[in-house]
Protein backbone atom coordinates (compact mmCIF):
# COMPACT_ATOMS: atom_id res chain seq x y z
CA UNK A 1 0.00 0.00 0.00
CA UNK A 2 1.32 3.45 -0.92
CA UNK A 3 2.15 5.75 1.97
CA UNK A 4 1.33 9.43 2.29
CA UNK A 5 4.50 11.34 1.37
CA UNK A 6 3.79 14.35 3.60
CA UNK A 7 3.77 12.32 6.81
CA UNK A 8 6.96 11.37 8.61
CA UNK A 9 7.56 8.01 10.28
CA UNK A 10 6.08 9.46 13.48
CA UNK A 11 2.86 10.47 11.68
CA UNK A 12 3.58 14.21 11.84
CA UNK A 13 3.44 16.59 8.88
CA UNK A 14 6.70 16.60 6.96
CA UNK A 15 7.81 18.50 3.85
CA UNK A 16 9.14 16.04 1.27
CA UNK A 17 12.91 16.25 0.68
CA UNK A 18 13.32 16.59 -3.09
CA UNK A 19 17.06 17.28 -2.91
CA UNK A 20 18.05 13.95 -4.42
CA UNK A 21 15.58 14.07 -7.30
CA UNK A 22 16.59 14.85 -10.87
CA UNK A 23 15.45 18.08 -12.49
CA UNK A 24 13.10 17.20 -15.32
CA UNK A 25 10.40 19.03 -17.24
CA UNK A 26 7.12 18.42 -15.46
CA UNK A 27 3.67 19.46 -16.67
CA UNK A 28 0.22 19.18 -15.15
CA UNK A 29 -3.21 20.03 -16.52
CA UNK A 30 -6.25 20.52 -14.29
CA UNK A 31 -9.83 21.36 -15.07
CA UNK A 32 -13.02 22.59 -13.48
CA UNK A 33 -16.41 23.98 -14.45
CA UNK A 34 -18.81 26.69 -13.37
CA UNK A 35 -22.45 25.88 -14.06
CA UNK A 36 -24.84 28.82 -14.26
CA UNK A 37 -28.13 30.06 -15.66
CA UNK A 38 -28.13 30.47 -19.47
CA UNK A 39 -28.78 34.20 -19.00
CA UNK A 40 -25.68 34.49 -16.79
CA UNK A 41 -23.54 32.78 -19.43
CA UNK A 42 -24.92 35.18 -22.03
CA UNK A 43 -24.14 38.19 -19.83
CA UNK A 44 -20.54 37.02 -19.35
CA UNK A 45 -19.96 36.20 -23.01
CA UNK A 46 -21.39 39.55 -24.14
CA UNK A 47 -19.08 41.36 -21.73
CA UNK A 48 -21.95 42.90 -19.78
CA UNK A 49 -21.03 41.84 -16.24
CA UNK A 50 -21.05 44.83 -13.87
CA UNK A 51 -17.60 43.96 -12.51
CA UNK A 52 -16.04 43.92 -16.00
CA UNK A 53 -14.23 41.31 -18.10
CA UNK A 54 -15.04 38.07 -16.27
CA UNK A 55 -12.99 35.78 -18.49
CA UNK A 56 -9.92 38.03 -18.54
CA UNK A 57 -9.99 38.51 -14.78
CA UNK A 58 -10.41 34.77 -14.20
CA UNK A 59 -7.45 33.94 -16.45
CA UNK A 60 -5.18 36.40 -14.65
CA UNK A 61 -6.41 35.25 -11.22
CA UNK A 62 -5.66 31.63 -12.09
CA UNK A 63 -2.16 32.44 -13.30
CA UNK A 64 -1.42 34.55 -10.22
CA UNK A 65 -2.76 31.84 -7.93
CA UNK A 66 -0.55 29.16 -9.49
CA UNK A 67 2.49 31.31 -8.74
CA UNK A 68 1.47 31.53 -5.06
CA UNK A 69 0.47 27.91 -4.48
CA UNK A 70 3.28 27.34 -1.98
CA UNK A 71 1.85 30.17 0.14
CA UNK A 72 -1.65 28.64 0.11
CA UNK A 73 -1.09 24.89 0.42
CA UNK A 74 0.95 23.72 3.41
CA UNK A 75 4.13 21.76 2.58
CA UNK A 76 4.16 22.69 -1.14
CA UNK A 77 7.59 23.66 -2.45
CA UNK A 78 7.99 27.11 -4.04
CA UNK A 79 8.55 26.52 -7.75
CA UNK A 80 10.03 28.60 -10.55
CA UNK A 81 7.19 27.99 -12.99
CA UNK A 82 8.15 28.21 -16.64
CA UNK A 83 4.57 28.32 -17.95
CA UNK A 84 1.06 28.78 -16.62
CA UNK A 85 -1.92 29.03 -18.97
CA UNK A 86 -5.62 29.22 -18.18
CA UNK A 87 -8.18 28.53 -20.90
CA UNK A 88 -11.88 29.23 -20.39
CA UNK A 89 -14.48 28.08 -22.90
CA UNK A 90 -18.27 28.31 -22.87
CA UNK A 91 -20.26 25.09 -22.76
CA UNK A 92 -23.94 25.54 -23.54
CA UNK A 93 -24.64 21.97 -22.38
CA UNK A 94 -23.81 22.84 -18.75
CA UNK A 95 -24.71 25.72 -19.25
CA UNK A 96 -21.57 27.46 -18.08
CA UNK A 97 -17.83 27.71 -18.48
CA UNK A 98 -15.14 25.06 -18.55
CA UNK A 99 -11.72 25.99 -17.20
CA UNK A 100 -8.47 24.24 -18.09
CA UNK A 101 -5.18 25.20 -16.44
CA UNK A 102 -1.70 24.10 -17.44
CA UNK A 103 1.39 24.47 -15.25
CA UNK A 104 4.96 23.61 -16.28
CA UNK A 105 8.32 23.62 -14.51
CA UNK A 106 11.79 22.24 -14.95
CA UNK A 107 12.47 21.08 -11.44
CA UNK A 108 12.58 18.37 -8.82
CA UNK A 109 8.89 18.18 -7.96
CA UNK A 110 5.59 18.12 -9.83
CA UNK A 111 3.17 20.94 -10.59
CA UNK A 112 -0.19 19.26 -9.99
CA UNK A 113 -1.02 21.55 -7.07
CA UNK A 114 -0.19 24.63 -9.15
CA UNK A 115 -2.49 23.50 -11.98
CA UNK A 116 -5.27 22.64 -9.50
CA UNK A 117 -4.88 26.00 -7.75
CA UNK A 118 -5.02 27.87 -11.06
CA UNK A 119 -8.19 26.06 -12.15
CA UNK A 120 -9.84 26.49 -8.74
CA UNK A 121 -9.12 30.19 -8.41
CA UNK A 122 -10.18 30.87 -12.00
CA UNK A 123 -13.52 29.17 -11.26
CA UNK A 124 -13.91 31.09 -7.99
CA UNK A 125 -13.19 34.35 -9.79
CA UNK A 126 -15.91 33.61 -12.34
CA UNK A 127 -18.30 33.02 -9.45
CA UNK A 128 -17.25 36.21 -7.68
CA UNK A 129 -17.58 38.39 -10.75
CA UNK A 130 -21.03 37.07 -11.74
CA UNK A 131 -22.61 36.37 -8.35
CA UNK A 132 -24.60 39.62 -8.52
CA UNK A 133 -26.76 38.05 -11.23
CA UNK A 134 -26.57 34.36 -10.27
CA UNK A 135 -25.78 33.24 -6.72
CA UNK A 136 -26.80 29.69 -7.64
CA UNK A 137 -23.72 29.01 -9.77
CA UNK A 138 -21.92 25.76 -8.98
CA UNK A 139 -18.17 25.20 -9.12
CA UNK A 140 -17.41 21.54 -9.77
CA UNK A 141 -15.16 18.94 -11.30
CA UNK A 142 -11.83 20.30 -10.10
CA UNK A 143 -9.32 17.56 -10.93
CA UNK A 144 -5.97 16.73 -12.48
CA UNK A 145 -6.50 15.42 -15.98
CA UNK A 146 -2.90 15.01 -17.05
CA UNK A 147 0.59 14.92 -15.58
CA UNK A 148 3.93 14.30 -17.26
CA UNK A 149 7.49 13.99 -16.01
CA UNK A 150 9.05 12.96 -12.77
CA UNK A 151 9.82 9.64 -11.10
CA UNK A 152 6.18 8.51 -10.88
CA UNK A 153 5.74 8.86 -14.65
CA UNK A 154 2.83 10.09 -16.69
CA UNK A 155 -0.85 10.14 -15.76
CA UNK A 156 -3.91 10.72 -17.93
CA UNK A 157 -7.43 10.78 -16.51
CA UNK A 158 -10.57 9.81 -18.33
CA UNK A 159 -11.28 13.01 -20.28
CA UNK A 160 -15.03 12.87 -19.73
CA UNK A 161 -16.92 15.87 -18.43
CA UNK A 162 -16.04 17.02 -14.91
CA UNK A 163 -18.37 15.71 -12.23
C-alpha atoms as a PDB file:
ATOM      1  CA  UNK A   1       0.000   0.000   0.000  1.00  0.00           C
ATOM      2  CA  UNK A   2       1.319   3.448  -0.916  1.00  0.00           C
ATOM      3  CA  UNK A   3       2.152   5.750   1.967  1.00  0.00           C
ATOM      4  CA  UNK A   4       1.333   9.435   2.288  1.00  0.00           C
ATOM      5  CA  UNK A   5       4.495  11.343   1.373  1.00  0.00           C
ATOM      6  CA  UNK A   6       3.785  14.353   3.601  1.00  0.00           C
ATOM      7  CA  UNK A   7       3.768  12.316   6.814  1.00  0.00           C
ATOM      8  CA  UNK A   8       6.957  11.369   8.611  1.00  0.00           C
ATOM      9  CA  UNK A   9       7.555   8.005  10.281  1.00  0.00           C
ATOM     10  CA  UNK A  10       6.077   9.465  13.479  1.00  0.00           C
ATOM     11  CA  UNK A  11       2.862  10.471  11.677  1.00  0.00           C
ATOM     12  CA  UNK A  12       3.582  14.208  11.843  1.00  0.00           C
ATOM     13  CA  UNK A  13       3.442  16.590   8.883  1.00  0.00           C
ATOM     14  CA  UNK A  14       6.700  16.604   6.959  1.00  0.00           C
ATOM     15  CA  UNK A  15       7.813  18.504   3.846  1.00  0.00           C
ATOM     16  CA  UNK A  16       9.141  16.036   1.270  1.00  0.00           C
ATOM     17  CA  UNK A  17      12.907  16.246   0.679  1.00  0.00           C
ATOM     18  CA  UNK A  18      13.322  16.595  -3.093  1.00  0.00           C
ATOM     19  CA  UNK A  19      17.058  17.282  -2.905  1.00  0.00           C
ATOM     20  CA  UNK A  20      18.048  13.946  -4.419  1.00  0.00           C
ATOM     21  CA  UNK A  21      15.577  14.067  -7.301  1.00  0.00           C
ATOM     22  CA  UNK A  22      16.588  14.854 -10.874  1.00  0.00           C
ATOM     23  CA  UNK A  23      15.454  18.077 -12.488  1.00  0.00           C
ATOM     24  CA  UNK A  24      13.104  17.201 -15.324  1.00  0.00           C
ATOM     25  CA  UNK A  25      10.402  19.026 -17.239  1.00  0.00           C
ATOM     26  CA  UNK A  26       7.118  18.424 -15.463  1.00  0.00           C
ATOM     27  CA  UNK A  27       3.673  19.455 -16.665  1.00  0.00           C
ATOM     28  CA  UNK A  28       0.218  19.176 -15.151  1.00  0.00           C
ATOM     29  CA  UNK A  29      -3.212  20.030 -16.524  1.00  0.00           C
ATOM     30  CA  UNK A  30      -6.248  20.516 -14.288  1.00  0.00           C
ATOM     31  CA  UNK A  31      -9.835  21.361 -15.074  1.00  0.00           C
ATOM     32  CA  UNK A  32     -13.025  22.591 -13.484  1.00  0.00           C
ATOM     33  CA  UNK A  33     -16.406  23.983 -14.445  1.00  0.00           C
ATOM     34  CA  UNK A  34     -18.809  26.689 -13.368  1.00  0.00           C
ATOM     35  CA  UNK A  35     -22.450  25.883 -14.056  1.00  0.00           C
ATOM     36  CA  UNK A  36     -24.845  28.818 -14.259  1.00  0.00           C
ATOM     37  CA  UNK A  37     -28.130  30.058 -15.656  1.00  0.00           C
ATOM     38  CA  UNK A  38     -28.132  30.468 -19.466  1.00  0.00           C
ATOM     39  CA  UNK A  39     -28.780  34.204 -19.004  1.00  0.00           C
ATOM     40  CA  UNK A  40     -25.676  34.492 -16.790  1.00  0.00           C
ATOM     41  CA  UNK A  41     -23.537  32.783 -19.428  1.00  0.00           C
ATOM     42  CA  UNK A  42     -24.923  35.185 -22.035  1.00  0.00           C
ATOM     43  CA  UNK A  43     -24.138  38.193 -19.829  1.00  0.00           C
ATOM     44  CA  UNK A  44     -20.542  37.016 -19.348  1.00  0.00           C
ATOM     45  CA  UNK A  45     -19.960  36.203 -23.009  1.00  0.00           C
ATOM     46  CA  UNK A  46     -21.394  39.547 -24.144  1.00  0.00           C
ATOM     47  CA  UNK A  47     -19.083  41.365 -21.732  1.00  0.00           C
ATOM     48  CA  UNK A  48     -21.948  42.902 -19.785  1.00  0.00           C
ATOM     49  CA  UNK A  49     -21.032  41.840 -16.236  1.00  0.00           C
ATOM     50  CA  UNK A  50     -21.048  44.826 -13.868  1.00  0.00           C
ATOM     51  CA  UNK A  51     -17.596  43.965 -12.507  1.00  0.00           C
ATOM     52  CA  UNK A  52     -16.035  43.916 -15.995  1.00  0.00           C
ATOM     53  CA  UNK A  53     -14.227  41.312 -18.098  1.00  0.00           C
ATOM     54  CA  UNK A  54     -15.042  38.072 -16.268  1.00  0.00           C
ATOM     55  CA  UNK A  55     -12.989  35.775 -18.494  1.00  0.00           C
ATOM     56  CA  UNK A  56      -9.921  38.027 -18.544  1.00  0.00           C
ATOM     57  CA  UNK A  57      -9.988  38.511 -14.780  1.00  0.00           C
ATOM     58  CA  UNK A  58     -10.413  34.765 -14.204  1.00  0.00           C
ATOM     59  CA  UNK A  59      -7.447  33.938 -16.447  1.00  0.00           C
ATOM     60  CA  UNK A  60      -5.183  36.402 -14.649  1.00  0.00           C
ATOM     61  CA  UNK A  61      -6.407  35.254 -11.217  1.00  0.00           C
ATOM     62  CA  UNK A  62      -5.661  31.625 -12.092  1.00  0.00           C
ATOM     63  CA  UNK A  63      -2.156  32.442 -13.300  1.00  0.00           C
ATOM     64  CA  UNK A  64      -1.423  34.552 -10.223  1.00  0.00           C
ATOM     65  CA  UNK A  65      -2.763  31.841  -7.925  1.00  0.00           C
ATOM     66  CA  UNK A  66      -0.550  29.158  -9.489  1.00  0.00           C
ATOM     67  CA  UNK A  67       2.487  31.308  -8.736  1.00  0.00           C
ATOM     68  CA  UNK A  68       1.466  31.529  -5.059  1.00  0.00           C
ATOM     69  CA  UNK A  69       0.473  27.911  -4.480  1.00  0.00           C
ATOM     70  CA  UNK A  70       3.282  27.337  -1.982  1.00  0.00           C
ATOM     71  CA  UNK A  71       1.846  30.172   0.141  1.00  0.00           C
ATOM     72  CA  UNK A  72      -1.651  28.644   0.114  1.00  0.00           C
ATOM     73  CA  UNK A  73      -1.093  24.889   0.419  1.00  0.00           C
ATOM     74  CA  UNK A  74       0.953  23.718   3.406  1.00  0.00           C
ATOM     75  CA  UNK A  75       4.133  21.760   2.578  1.00  0.00           C
ATOM     76  CA  UNK A  76       4.162  22.694  -1.137  1.00  0.00           C
ATOM     77  CA  UNK A  77       7.586  23.665  -2.446  1.00  0.00           C
ATOM     78  CA  UNK A  78       7.990  27.106  -4.036  1.00  0.00           C
ATOM     79  CA  UNK A  79       8.551  26.517  -7.753  1.00  0.00           C
ATOM     80  CA  UNK A  80      10.028  28.603 -10.551  1.00  0.00           C
ATOM     81  CA  UNK A  81       7.191  27.994 -12.989  1.00  0.00           C
ATOM     82  CA  UNK A  82       8.146  28.214 -16.642  1.00  0.00           C
ATOM     83  CA  UNK A  83       4.565  28.325 -17.949  1.00  0.00           C
ATOM     84  CA  UNK A  84       1.057  28.780 -16.623  1.00  0.00           C
ATOM     85  CA  UNK A  85      -1.920  29.029 -18.972  1.00  0.00           C
ATOM     86  CA  UNK A  86      -5.623  29.220 -18.183  1.00  0.00           C
ATOM     87  CA  UNK A  87      -8.179  28.533 -20.901  1.00  0.00           C
ATOM     88  CA  UNK A  88     -11.884  29.228 -20.393  1.00  0.00           C
ATOM     89  CA  UNK A  89     -14.482  28.077 -22.895  1.00  0.00           C
ATOM     90  CA  UNK A  90     -18.267  28.313 -22.869  1.00  0.00           C
ATOM     91  CA  UNK A  91     -20.255  25.087 -22.758  1.00  0.00           C
ATOM     92  CA  UNK A  92     -23.943  25.536 -23.537  1.00  0.00           C
ATOM     93  CA  UNK A  93     -24.644  21.968 -22.380  1.00  0.00           C
ATOM     94  CA  UNK A  94     -23.805  22.838 -18.753  1.00  0.00           C
ATOM     95  CA  UNK A  95     -24.715  25.717 -19.250  1.00  0.00           C
ATOM     96  CA  UNK A  96     -21.573  27.465 -18.081  1.00  0.00           C
ATOM     97  CA  UNK A  97     -17.833  27.715 -18.484  1.00  0.00           C
ATOM     98  CA  UNK A  98     -15.139  25.058 -18.555  1.00  0.00           C
ATOM     99  CA  UNK A  99     -11.720  25.993 -17.200  1.00  0.00           C
ATOM    100  CA  UNK A 100      -8.471  24.239 -18.089  1.00  0.00           C
ATOM    101  CA  UNK A 101      -5.181  25.199 -16.438  1.00  0.00           C
ATOM    102  CA  UNK A 102      -1.696  24.098 -17.442  1.00  0.00           C
ATOM    103  CA  UNK A 103       1.394  24.471 -15.250  1.00  0.00           C
ATOM    104  CA  UNK A 104       4.958  23.607 -16.279  1.00  0.00           C
ATOM    105  CA  UNK A 105       8.322  23.621 -14.509  1.00  0.00           C
ATOM    106  CA  UNK A 106      11.789  22.240 -14.951  1.00  0.00           C
ATOM    107  CA  UNK A 107      12.469  21.082 -11.441  1.00  0.00           C
ATOM    108  CA  UNK A 108      12.583  18.365  -8.820  1.00  0.00           C
ATOM    109  CA  UNK A 109       8.886  18.179  -7.963  1.00  0.00           C
ATOM    110  CA  UNK A 110       5.592  18.119  -9.833  1.00  0.00           C
ATOM    111  CA  UNK A 111       3.169  20.936 -10.585  1.00  0.00           C
ATOM    112  CA  UNK A 112      -0.190  19.255  -9.992  1.00  0.00           C
ATOM    113  CA  UNK A 113      -1.015  21.551  -7.074  1.00  0.00           C
ATOM    114  CA  UNK A 114      -0.193  24.630  -9.154  1.00  0.00           C
ATOM    115  CA  UNK A 115      -2.494  23.499 -11.976  1.00  0.00           C
ATOM    116  CA  UNK A 116      -5.267  22.642  -9.498  1.00  0.00           C
ATOM    117  CA  UNK A 117      -4.877  25.995  -7.747  1.00  0.00           C
ATOM    118  CA  UNK A 118      -5.021  27.872 -11.063  1.00  0.00           C
ATOM    119  CA  UNK A 119      -8.193  26.062 -12.150  1.00  0.00           C
ATOM    120  CA  UNK A 120      -9.838  26.486  -8.740  1.00  0.00           C
ATOM    121  CA  UNK A 121      -9.121  30.189  -8.410  1.00  0.00           C
ATOM    122  CA  UNK A 122     -10.181  30.871 -12.005  1.00  0.00           C
ATOM    123  CA  UNK A 123     -13.523  29.174 -11.259  1.00  0.00           C
ATOM    124  CA  UNK A 124     -13.914  31.085  -7.988  1.00  0.00           C
ATOM    125  CA  UNK A 125     -13.191  34.354  -9.792  1.00  0.00           C
ATOM    126  CA  UNK A 126     -15.910  33.609 -12.338  1.00  0.00           C
ATOM    127  CA  UNK A 127     -18.304  33.021  -9.452  1.00  0.00           C
ATOM    128  CA  UNK A 128     -17.254  36.211  -7.681  1.00  0.00           C
ATOM    129  CA  UNK A 129     -17.579  38.389 -10.752  1.00  0.00           C
ATOM    130  CA  UNK A 130     -21.026  37.070 -11.741  1.00  0.00           C
ATOM    131  CA  UNK A 131     -22.614  36.373  -8.352  1.00  0.00           C
ATOM    132  CA  UNK A 132     -24.597  39.618  -8.518  1.00  0.00           C
ATOM    133  CA  UNK A 133     -26.760  38.049 -11.234  1.00  0.00           C
ATOM    134  CA  UNK A 134     -26.572  34.362 -10.270  1.00  0.00           C
ATOM    135  CA  UNK A 135     -25.782  33.244  -6.716  1.00  0.00           C
ATOM    136  CA  UNK A 136     -26.797  29.688  -7.641  1.00  0.00           C
ATOM    137  CA  UNK A 137     -23.718  29.014  -9.768  1.00  0.00           C
ATOM    138  CA  UNK A 138     -21.920  25.756  -8.982  1.00  0.00           C
ATOM    139  CA  UNK A 139     -18.169  25.204  -9.120  1.00  0.00           C
ATOM    140  CA  UNK A 140     -17.412  21.542  -9.768  1.00  0.00           C
ATOM    141  CA  UNK A 141     -15.163  18.943 -11.302  1.00  0.00           C
ATOM    142  CA  UNK A 142     -11.828  20.296 -10.099  1.00  0.00           C
ATOM    143  CA  UNK A 143      -9.324  17.559 -10.927  1.00  0.00           C
ATOM    144  CA  UNK A 144      -5.972  16.735 -12.475  1.00  0.00           C
ATOM    145  CA  UNK A 145      -6.504  15.417 -15.976  1.00  0.00           C
ATOM    146  CA  UNK A 146      -2.904  15.005 -17.053  1.00  0.00           C
ATOM    147  CA  UNK A 147       0.594  14.924 -15.581  1.00  0.00           C
ATOM    148  CA  UNK A 148       3.934  14.299 -17.260  1.00  0.00           C
ATOM    149  CA  UNK A 149       7.494  13.991 -16.011  1.00  0.00           C
ATOM    150  CA  UNK A 150       9.048  12.960 -12.766  1.00  0.00           C
ATOM    151  CA  UNK A 151       9.818   9.643 -11.098  1.00  0.00           C
ATOM    152  CA  UNK A 152       6.184   8.514 -10.884  1.00  0.00           C
ATOM    153  CA  UNK A 153       5.742   8.859 -14.650  1.00  0.00           C
ATOM    154  CA  UNK A 154       2.828  10.090 -16.691  1.00  0.00           C
ATOM    155  CA  UNK A 155      -0.847  10.144 -15.760  1.00  0.00           C
ATOM    156  CA  UNK A 156      -3.906  10.725 -17.928  1.00  0.00           C
ATOM    157  CA  UNK A 157      -7.434  10.779 -16.506  1.00  0.00           C
ATOM    158  CA  UNK A 158     -10.566   9.809 -18.333  1.00  0.00           C
ATOM    159  CA  UNK A 159     -11.281  13.006 -20.282  1.00  0.00           C
ATOM    160  CA  UNK A 160     -15.032  12.865 -19.729  1.00  0.00           C
ATOM    161  CA  UNK A 161     -16.919  15.870 -18.428  1.00  0.00           C
ATOM    162  CA  UNK A 162     -16.037  17.017 -14.905  1.00  0.00           C
ATOM    163  CA  UNK A 163     -18.375  15.713 -12.230  1.00  0.00           C
END
